[in-house]
Amino acid sequence: MKPTRRHFLELGVAATAAAALTPRRARAQAAGPRVVVVGGGFAGASCARALRQADARIAVTLVEPNATFTACPFSNAVIGGLRELSAQQFTYERIAADGITLARTSATAVDAPAKSVTLADGAKLSYDRLVLAPGIDIRWGALQGYDEAAAGQMPHAWRAGEQTLLLRRQLEAMDDGGLVVISAPANPFRCPPGPYERASLIAHFLKTKKPKSKLIVLDAKDAFSKQRLFQAAWAELYPGLLEWVPLSKGGNVTSVDAATRTLMTDFGKHQAKVANVIPPQKAGRIAEVAGVADRSGWCPIDPATFESKLQAGIHVIGDAAIAGAMPKSAFAANSQAKVCAAAVATLLAGGTPSVPKLINTCYSLVAPDYGITVAGVYQPTGGQLADVPGAGGVSPSDAPRETRKAEAVLAEAWFRTITTEAFG
């Protein structure tokens, strides 16, 4: 399926300018229906703004400890030396200007029966509806030998920021001829095509800067998103440089030794000069604290409203949610945020939310001028989000290079659109 402007033009949510409220006012909430949104990433920021657009009477408080958000989409280009981290960073000034109260602290507890959120400074926020958008946490220790200290030697770079720069610096410092190893986890995890885009852009860096080097991807799966497109591009662009080892051929990493940057599988050992370990993940900690995460570590939700199946009055959106066929991506988070905001506004007004359709489009760069795409449409079916048959697809496998170049341009346009909608 060839991507069209519809894929990113449908992102547009208009924002209504209003007087900014200071973070201190988060403790003294305004009158009217109160919605607290925890987490200021693509899901939380988009939801807060969509709530204000849906009904300006709703008093929206966004709880987010960081003054700056660092976006994961396009962060692989930072690792590959094609982009600076500053291009990934956004503030919350425009969100405050929309009349959304900012609480620049963390949420530490949720009392669902009392409908209150406790903040790190001890203050409490009351709510009529709570939206949790906590993103992911790393499951430290789930991979033997991989803990927070190990991430200083073998960065995961799966939360954009200092880890992104650490992996980039390691690649830049590596001697030509060094071995780079990426460990990709089993599903589910944030951004299913992400490890393979990363492998592609690191391969591009090696090809242009350190051509004697090699990259191996050790994978805990036998299949991955956009696999045929990625592998065809690798064969064309990076023959002999990039090797993918699937689960069935010994790709599952069972333990690591950070001191020697060694990754162990059932079939052998791989000692790397640079090792990027993408470990198992779970919903951000506040989801567990709030009682909305199940044994899997993720959060089951009603697919029509994103209300938790475990705690009434609490909605979960973005990477933390169990969203059926819908992947964990920035576009998915944005789409879920808008559906959730509409449902919350309707519920607060005493109405019944409509049955939604949600969209997702994911662009991946295989090289700076080579993009590929997967898109899908989803609807509630049998208690979960399912694909709408015939509504999605991927880039044509036989597309000419001009098409690949055009998709790379569309990817840039998509990033500008979604970040403007959420933060600009």
Protein backbone atom coordinates (compact mmCIF):
# COMPACT_ATOMS: atom_id res chain seq x y z
CA MET A 1 0.00 0.00 0.00
CA LYS A 2 1.43 3.33 -1.02
CA PRO A 3 1.28 5.87 1.84
CA THR A 4 -0.74 9.01 1.22
CA ARG A 5 -1.01 12.38 2.82
CA ARG A 6 -4.08 11.06 4.62
CA HIS A 7 -1.87 9.06 6.92
CA PHE A 8 -0.49 12.09 8.64
CA LEU A 9 -3.10 14.73 7.82
CA GLU A 10 -5.59 12.74 9.88
CA LEU A 11 -3.40 13.45 12.89
CA GLY A 12 -4.55 17.09 13.08
CA VAL A 13 -6.23 18.18 16.29
CA ALA A 14 -6.81 21.92 16.63
CA ALA A 15 -5.83 23.50 19.98
CA THR A 16 -7.73 26.34 21.64
CA ALA A 17 -5.42 28.96 23.14
CA ALA A 18 -6.15 29.88 26.75
CA ALA A 19 -4.33 31.42 29.67
CA ALA A 20 -1.49 29.28 30.98
CA LEU A 21 -1.76 27.97 34.52
CA THR A 22 1.36 27.60 36.61
CA PRO A 23 2.48 24.20 37.94
CA ARG A 24 1.63 25.36 41.49
CA ARG A 25 -2.06 25.54 40.54
CA ALA A 26 -2.03 21.77 40.03
CA ARG A 27 -2.66 21.44 43.77
CA ALA A 28 -5.62 23.82 43.67
CA GLN A 29 -7.78 22.38 40.92
CA ALA A 30 -10.33 24.37 38.96
CA ALA A 31 -14.07 23.80 39.07
CA GLY A 32 -15.84 21.62 36.51
CA PRO A 33 -15.20 18.00 35.55
CA ARG A 34 -11.63 17.09 36.50
CA VAL A 35 -9.41 14.85 34.41
CA VAL A 36 -5.86 14.05 35.48
CA VAL A 37 -3.49 12.76 32.78
CA VAL A 38 -0.31 11.07 34.03
CA GLY A 39 2.57 11.01 31.54
CA GLY A 40 3.55 13.67 29.03
CA GLY A 41 4.63 11.60 26.03
CA PHE A 42 2.81 11.31 22.72
CA ALA A 43 -0.19 9.64 24.37
CA GLY A 44 -0.53 11.88 27.41
CA ALA A 45 0.21 15.21 25.73
CA SER A 46 -2.11 14.42 22.81
CA CYS A 47 -4.90 13.33 25.16
CA ALA A 48 -4.63 16.42 27.35
CA ARG A 49 -4.90 18.71 24.34
CA ALA A 50 -7.72 16.67 22.78
CA LEU A 51 -9.67 16.87 26.04
CA ARG A 52 -9.44 20.65 26.04
CA GLN A 53 -10.69 20.73 22.47
CA ALA A 54 -13.52 18.29 23.18
CA ASP A 55 -14.90 20.34 26.08
CA ALA A 56 -13.25 23.51 27.37
CA ARG A 57 -15.13 23.11 30.67
CA ILE A 58 -13.03 20.07 31.58
CA ALA A 59 -10.21 20.99 33.98
CA VAL A 60 -7.22 19.03 32.69
CA THR A 61 -4.06 18.48 34.73
CA LEU A 62 -1.02 16.89 33.10
CA VAL A 63 1.40 15.24 35.53
CA GLU A 64 4.90 15.03 34.05
CA PRO A 65 8.20 15.46 35.95
CA ASN A 66 10.34 16.42 32.95
CA ALA A 67 10.42 19.92 31.51
CA THR A 68 11.49 18.51 28.13
CA PHE A 69 10.17 15.51 26.22
CA THR A 70 12.64 13.55 24.09
CA ALA A 71 10.93 11.69 21.24
CA CYS A 72 11.84 8.12 20.34
CA PRO A 73 10.74 8.26 16.66
CA PHE A 74 13.77 9.30 14.60
CA SER A 75 16.11 8.70 17.56
CA ASN A 76 17.68 5.86 15.55
CA ALA A 77 18.85 8.57 13.14
CA VAL A 78 20.57 10.23 16.10
CA ILE A 79 22.36 6.95 16.89
CA GLY A 80 23.41 6.68 13.25
CA GLY A 81 24.87 10.19 13.25
CA LEU A 82 22.25 11.62 10.88
CA ARG A 83 20.45 13.86 13.36
CA GLU A 84 21.10 15.71 16.63
CA LEU A 85 19.27 14.90 19.83
CA SER A 86 18.04 18.49 20.10
CA ALA A 87 15.80 17.83 17.08
CA GLN A 88 14.00 15.24 19.23
CA GLN A 89 13.29 17.52 22.17
CA PHE A 90 10.09 19.46 22.90
CA THR A 91 8.79 21.54 25.81
CA TYR A 92 5.32 21.81 27.35
CA GLU A 93 4.91 25.57 26.95
CA ARG A 94 2.22 25.33 24.27
CA ILE A 95 0.33 22.76 26.31
CA ALA A 96 0.24 25.15 29.27
CA ALA A 97 -0.91 27.89 26.90
CA ASP A 98 -3.94 25.74 26.06
CA GLY A 99 -5.17 26.11 29.63
CA ILE A 100 -3.87 22.74 30.77
CA THR A 101 -2.45 22.72 34.30
CA LEU A 102 1.07 21.29 34.48
CA ALA A 103 2.21 19.41 37.56
CA ARG A 104 5.96 19.02 37.09
CA THR A 105 6.39 16.07 39.40
CA SER A 106 5.74 12.33 39.45
CA ALA A 107 2.61 10.45 40.42
CA THR A 108 3.45 7.97 43.18
CA ALA A 109 0.08 6.47 44.12
CA VAL A 110 -3.50 6.18 42.93
CA ASP A 111 -6.53 5.66 45.19
CA ALA A 112 -9.13 4.42 42.72
CA PRO A 113 -12.09 4.28 45.17
CA ALA A 114 -11.34 7.82 46.40
CA LYS A 115 -10.49 9.02 42.87
CA SER A 116 -7.26 10.70 43.85
CA VAL A 117 -3.63 10.73 42.68
CA THR A 118 -0.76 11.29 45.13
CA LEU A 119 2.21 13.24 43.81
CA ALA A 120 5.87 12.93 44.76
CA ASP A 121 5.69 16.10 46.88
CA GLY A 122 2.81 14.64 48.92
CA ALA A 123 0.09 16.72 47.28
CA LYS A 124 -3.08 15.01 46.07
CA LEU A 125 -5.14 15.57 42.95
CA SER A 126 -8.81 14.60 42.82
CA TYR A 127 -10.28 13.43 39.55
CA ASP A 128 -13.54 12.43 37.92
CA ARG A 129 -11.60 10.45 35.30
CA LEU A 130 -7.92 9.47 35.31
CA VAL A 131 -5.87 8.81 32.17
CA LEU A 132 -2.59 6.95 32.59
CA ALA A 133 -0.04 7.25 29.79
CA PRO A 134 3.10 6.00 31.56
CA GLY A 135 4.93 4.53 28.57
CA ILE A 136 7.31 1.67 29.32
CA ASP A 137 9.68 0.57 32.03
CA ILE A 138 12.57 -1.82 31.48
CA ARG A 139 12.17 -5.23 33.13
CA TRP A 140 15.54 -5.16 34.84
CA GLY A 141 16.79 -8.66 35.57
CA ALA A 142 14.44 -10.36 33.11
CA LEU A 143 17.52 -10.97 30.97
CA GLN A 144 20.22 -12.54 33.14
CA GLY A 145 23.06 -10.10 33.74
CA TYR A 146 21.24 -7.05 32.42
CA ASP A 147 20.50 -4.45 35.08
CA GLU A 148 20.74 -0.67 35.31
CA ALA A 149 24.50 -0.83 35.79
CA ALA A 150 24.88 -3.05 32.73
CA ALA A 151 23.00 -0.47 30.65
CA GLY A 152 25.95 1.85 31.19
CA GLN A 153 28.14 -0.58 29.23
CA MET A 154 25.54 -2.11 26.89
CA PRO A 155 22.97 0.63 26.33
CA HIS A 156 19.37 -0.21 25.51
CA ALA A 157 18.63 3.29 24.11
CA TRP A 158 14.93 2.37 24.16
CA ARG A 159 14.02 5.50 26.09
CA ALA A 160 15.42 8.42 24.14
CA GLY A 161 17.93 10.69 25.82
CA GLU A 162 21.31 9.99 27.39
CA GLN A 163 21.16 6.32 26.39
CA THR A 164 20.73 7.40 22.76
CA LEU A 165 23.87 9.52 22.95
CA LEU A 166 25.80 6.81 24.78
CA LEU A 167 25.19 4.29 22.01
CA ARG A 168 26.14 6.88 19.39
CA ARG A 169 29.39 7.72 21.22
CA GLN A 170 30.30 4.05 21.49
CA LEU A 171 29.83 3.58 17.74
CA GLU A 172 31.90 6.66 16.97
CA ALA A 173 34.71 5.51 19.28
CA MET A 174 34.83 1.94 17.95
CA ASP A 175 37.78 1.02 15.75
CA ASP A 176 37.02 0.13 12.15
CA GLY A 177 36.62 -3.64 11.99
CA GLY A 178 34.71 -3.92 15.27
CA LEU A 179 31.65 -6.10 15.80
CA VAL A 180 28.33 -4.45 16.71
CA VAL A 181 25.61 -6.69 18.17
CA ILE A 182 21.95 -5.80 18.68
CA SER A 183 19.74 -8.00 20.84
CA ALA A 184 16.03 -7.76 19.89
CA PRO A 185 13.42 -8.98 22.42
CA ALA A 186 10.37 -11.17 22.10
CA ASN A 187 6.98 -9.49 21.65
CA PRO A 188 5.43 -7.32 22.96
CA PHE A 189 7.66 -4.28 23.17
CA ARG A 190 7.68 -0.63 22.19
CA CYS A 191 7.96 0.02 18.43
CA PRO A 192 8.05 -3.41 16.75
CA PRO A 193 10.04 -2.21 13.68
CA GLY A 194 12.42 -0.18 15.84
CA PRO A 195 15.27 -2.70 16.27
CA TYR A 196 15.41 -3.28 12.51
CA GLU A 197 15.37 0.41 11.61
CA ARG A 198 18.16 0.82 14.16
CA ALA A 199 20.12 -2.02 12.60
CA SER A 200 19.66 -0.39 9.20
CA LEU A 201 20.88 3.05 10.24
CA ILE A 202 23.80 1.64 12.23
CA ALA A 203 24.68 -0.40 9.13
CA HIS A 204 24.57 2.82 7.10
CA PHE A 205 26.94 4.44 9.61
CA LEU A 206 29.32 1.50 9.44
CA LYS A 207 29.19 1.36 5.64
CA THR A 208 30.11 5.02 5.33
CA LYS A 209 32.44 5.45 8.35
CA LYS A 210 33.78 2.04 9.39
CA PRO A 211 33.41 -0.27 6.38
CA LYS A 212 35.48 -3.13 7.82
CA SER A 213 33.02 -3.57 10.67
CA LYS A 214 30.06 -5.94 10.94
CA LEU A 215 26.62 -5.86 12.56
CA ILE A 216 24.74 -8.88 13.90
CA VAL A 217 21.11 -8.78 15.07
CA LEU A 218 20.33 -11.55 17.57
CA ASP A 219 16.57 -11.94 17.64
CA ALA A 220 14.23 -13.69 20.08
CA LYS A 221 11.71 -14.04 17.23
CA ASP A 222 11.51 -15.75 13.85
CA ALA A 223 9.49 -12.95 12.27
CA PHE A 224 9.27 -9.19 12.65
CA SER A 225 7.41 -6.12 11.33
CA LYS A 226 8.06 -5.25 7.68
CA GLN A 227 10.49 -8.18 7.50
CA ARG A 228 10.44 -8.71 3.73
CA LEU A 229 10.97 -5.02 3.07
CA PHE A 230 13.82 -4.73 5.55
CA GLN A 231 15.58 -7.85 4.33
CA ALA A 232 15.30 -6.86 0.68
CA ALA A 233 16.78 -3.47 1.52
CA TRP A 234 19.59 -5.04 3.56
CA ALA A 235 20.49 -7.31 0.65
CA GLU A 236 20.61 -4.29 -1.65
CA LEU A 237 22.32 -1.77 0.63
CA TYR A 238 24.34 -3.73 3.20
CA PRO A 239 25.36 -7.13 1.76
CA GLY A 240 27.89 -8.89 3.95
CA LEU A 241 27.69 -6.17 6.59
CA LEU A 242 24.41 -6.91 8.39
CA GLU A 243 23.42 -10.39 9.56
CA TRP A 244 20.08 -11.26 11.17
CA VAL A 245 19.99 -14.38 13.37
CA PRO A 246 16.43 -15.52 14.18
CA LEU A 247 15.23 -17.50 17.18
CA SER A 248 15.28 -20.81 15.29
CA LYS A 249 18.94 -20.34 14.40
CA GLY A 250 20.19 -19.34 17.85
CA GLY A 251 19.21 -15.69 18.01
CA ASN A 252 17.63 -15.71 21.47
CA VAL A 253 19.97 -14.04 23.96
CA THR A 254 19.75 -15.82 27.33
CA SER A 255 22.29 -13.81 29.35
CA VAL A 256 24.88 -11.05 29.03
CA ASP A 257 28.19 -10.15 30.59
CA ALA A 258 28.41 -6.36 30.62
CA ALA A 259 32.08 -6.27 31.67
CA THR A 260 33.15 -8.03 28.46
CA ARG A 261 30.17 -6.99 26.30
CA THR A 262 29.40 -10.64 25.65
CA LEU A 263 25.94 -11.93 24.72
CA MET A 264 25.17 -15.61 25.31
CA THR A 265 22.66 -17.71 23.38
CA ASP A 266 21.87 -21.43 23.48
CA PHE A 267 24.10 -21.78 20.44
CA GLY A 268 27.17 -19.81 21.51
CA LYS A 269 28.67 -16.49 22.55
CA HIS A 270 29.08 -13.17 20.77
CA GLN A 271 31.65 -10.73 22.12
CA ALA A 272 30.95 -7.27 20.77
CA LYS A 273 32.87 -4.03 20.64
CA VAL A 274 29.49 -2.28 20.85
CA ALA A 275 26.43 -4.07 22.22
CA ASN A 276 22.90 -2.69 22.09
CA VAL A 277 20.66 -4.79 24.34
CA ILE A 278 16.95 -4.09 23.90
CA PRO A 279 15.53 -5.88 26.95
CA PRO A 280 12.03 -7.08 27.86
CA GLN A 281 9.66 -4.29 28.88
CA LYS A 282 6.46 -3.60 30.81
CA ALA A 283 4.07 -0.73 31.47
CA GLY A 284 5.46 2.23 33.40
CA ARG A 285 5.50 1.77 37.17
CA ILE A 286 2.46 3.89 38.00
CA ALA A 287 0.32 1.36 36.09
CA GLU A 288 1.28 -1.37 38.55
CA VAL A 289 0.82 0.98 41.51
CA ALA A 290 -2.64 1.95 40.26
CA GLY A 291 -3.66 -1.70 39.88
CA VAL A 292 -4.30 -1.52 36.14
CA ALA A 293 -1.49 -3.87 35.02
CA ASP A 294 -2.06 -7.62 34.90
CA ARG A 295 0.44 -10.46 35.27
CA SER A 296 1.90 -9.72 31.86
CA GLY A 297 3.04 -6.32 33.08
CA TRP A 298 0.75 -4.58 30.58
CA CYS A 299 -2.73 -3.06 30.99
CA PRO A 300 -5.95 -4.65 29.70
CA ILE A 301 -8.44 -2.05 28.45
CA ASP A 302 -11.89 -1.65 26.94
CA PRO A 303 -11.06 -1.17 23.23
CA ALA A 304 -13.81 1.41 22.73
CA THR A 305 -12.95 3.78 25.59
CA PHE A 306 -9.52 2.61 26.83
CA GLU A 307 -10.98 2.33 30.31
CA SER A 308 -9.10 -0.21 32.42
CA LYS A 309 -10.66 -3.63 32.75
CA LEU A 310 -9.23 -3.78 36.26
CA GLN A 311 -10.06 -0.35 37.73
CA ALA A 312 -13.18 1.66 36.89
CA GLY A 313 -12.70 5.32 36.07
CA ILE A 314 -9.09 4.88 34.98
CA HIS A 315 -8.11 4.86 31.30
CA VAL A 316 -4.77 3.59 29.93
CA ILE A 317 -3.37 4.69 26.58
CA GLY A 318 -0.14 4.38 24.62
CA ASP A 319 2.60 1.79 25.03
CA ALA A 320 1.30 0.62 28.42
CA ALA A 321 -2.05 -0.61 27.05
CA ILE A 322 -2.85 -4.08 25.75
CA ALA A 323 -4.28 -2.88 22.45
CA GLY A 324 -4.73 -6.18 20.58
CA ALA A 325 -3.55 -5.97 16.99
CA MET A 326 -2.58 -2.31 17.37
CA PRO A 327 1.21 -1.96 17.84
CA LYS A 328 2.99 0.11 20.46
CA SER A 329 3.97 3.17 18.43
CA ALA A 330 3.84 6.96 18.60
CA PHE A 331 1.10 7.11 15.95
CA ALA A 332 -0.90 4.46 17.82
CA ALA A 333 -0.48 6.42 21.06
CA ASN A 334 -1.71 9.60 19.39
CA SER A 335 -4.68 7.81 17.82
CA GLN A 336 -5.61 6.16 21.12
CA ALA A 337 -5.28 9.49 22.93
CA LYS A 338 -7.86 11.15 20.70
CA VAL A 339 -10.32 8.25 20.98
CA CYS A 340 -9.86 8.16 24.76
CA ALA A 341 -10.34 11.93 25.08
CA ALA A 342 -13.57 11.80 23.09
CA ALA A 343 -14.83 8.89 25.21
CA VAL A 344 -13.93 10.61 28.49
CA ALA A 345 -15.64 13.84 27.44
CA THR A 346 -18.76 11.90 26.45
CA LEU A 347 -18.80 9.90 29.70
CA LEU A 348 -18.39 13.05 31.79
CA ALA A 349 -21.37 14.54 29.96
CA GLY A 350 -23.45 11.44 30.73
CA GLY A 351 -23.40 10.07 27.20
CA THR A 352 -22.42 6.79 25.58
CA PRO A 353 -19.16 6.80 23.59
CA SER A 354 -19.37 5.74 19.96
CA VAL A 355 -17.52 2.71 18.61
CA PRO A 356 -14.25 4.03 17.18
CA LYS A 357 -11.93 3.15 14.34
CA LEU A 358 -8.25 3.83 14.98
CA ILE A 359 -5.37 4.16 12.56
CA ASN A 360 -1.64 3.61 12.74
CA THR A 361 1.10 4.33 10.25
CA CYS A 362 4.72 3.50 10.97
CA TYR A 363 7.57 4.82 8.85
CA SER A 364 11.04 3.28 9.04
CA LEU A 365 14.26 4.54 7.51
CA VAL A 366 16.58 1.93 6.03
CA ALA A 367 18.94 4.68 4.85
CA PRO A 368 18.65 8.48 4.90
CA ASP A 369 16.86 8.44 1.53
CA TYR A 370 15.14 5.06 1.81
CA GLY A 371 11.84 4.76 3.69
CA ILE A 372 9.34 1.93 4.13
CA THR A 373 5.89 1.98 5.68
CA VAL A 374 3.25 -0.18 7.34
CA ALA A 375 -0.29 1.07 8.00
CA GLY A 376 -3.35 -0.40 9.67
CA VAL A 377 -6.91 0.40 10.71
CA TYR A 378 -8.38 -1.15 13.87
CA GLN A 379 -11.78 -1.50 15.50
CA PRO A 380 -13.15 -3.13 18.66
CA THR A 381 -13.98 -6.78 17.97
CA GLY A 382 -14.60 -9.43 20.60
CA GLY A 383 -13.35 -7.26 23.43
CA GLN A 384 -10.10 -6.22 21.81
CA LEU A 385 -8.77 -4.08 18.98
CA ALA A 386 -8.60 -6.06 15.74
CA ASP A 387 -7.44 -5.28 12.21
CA VAL A 388 -10.07 -4.04 9.80
CA PRO A 389 -9.66 -6.50 6.91
CA GLY A 390 -8.26 -4.96 3.75
CA ALA A 391 -7.70 -1.53 5.33
CA GLY A 392 -3.95 -1.69 5.93
CA GLY A 393 -0.83 -2.78 4.16
CA VAL A 394 2.86 -2.17 3.60
CA SER A 395 4.98 -0.42 1.00
CA PRO A 396 5.11 -2.23 -2.35
CA SER A 397 7.95 -4.76 -2.39
CA ASP A 398 8.88 -3.84 -5.96
CA ALA A 399 8.75 -0.07 -5.56
CA PRO A 400 11.46 1.94 -7.35
CA ARG A 401 14.04 3.90 -5.40
CA GLU A 402 12.19 7.14 -6.10
CA THR A 403 9.25 5.76 -4.12
CA ARG A 404 11.55 4.79 -1.25
CA LYS A 405 12.99 8.30 -1.31
CA ALA A 406 9.50 9.80 -1.25
CA GLU A 407 8.60 7.68 1.76
CA ALA A 408 11.65 9.00 3.61
CA VAL A 409 10.39 12.53 2.93
CA LEU A 410 6.90 11.54 4.14
CA ALA A 411 8.46 10.18 7.32
CA GLU A 412 9.96 13.59 8.08
CA ALA A 413 6.61 15.26 7.40
CA TRP A 414 4.85 12.78 9.67
CA PHE A 415 7.29 13.51 12.52
CA ARG A 416 6.78 17.26 12.19
CA THR A 417 3.00 16.81 12.15
CA ILE A 418 2.70 14.55 15.17
CA THR A 419 5.13 16.52 17.32
CA THR A 420 3.37 19.76 16.44
CA GLU A 421 0.03 18.24 17.37
CA ALA A 422 1.29 16.93 20.69
CA PHE A 423 3.68 19.71 21.74
CA GLY A 424 3.79 22.59 19.27
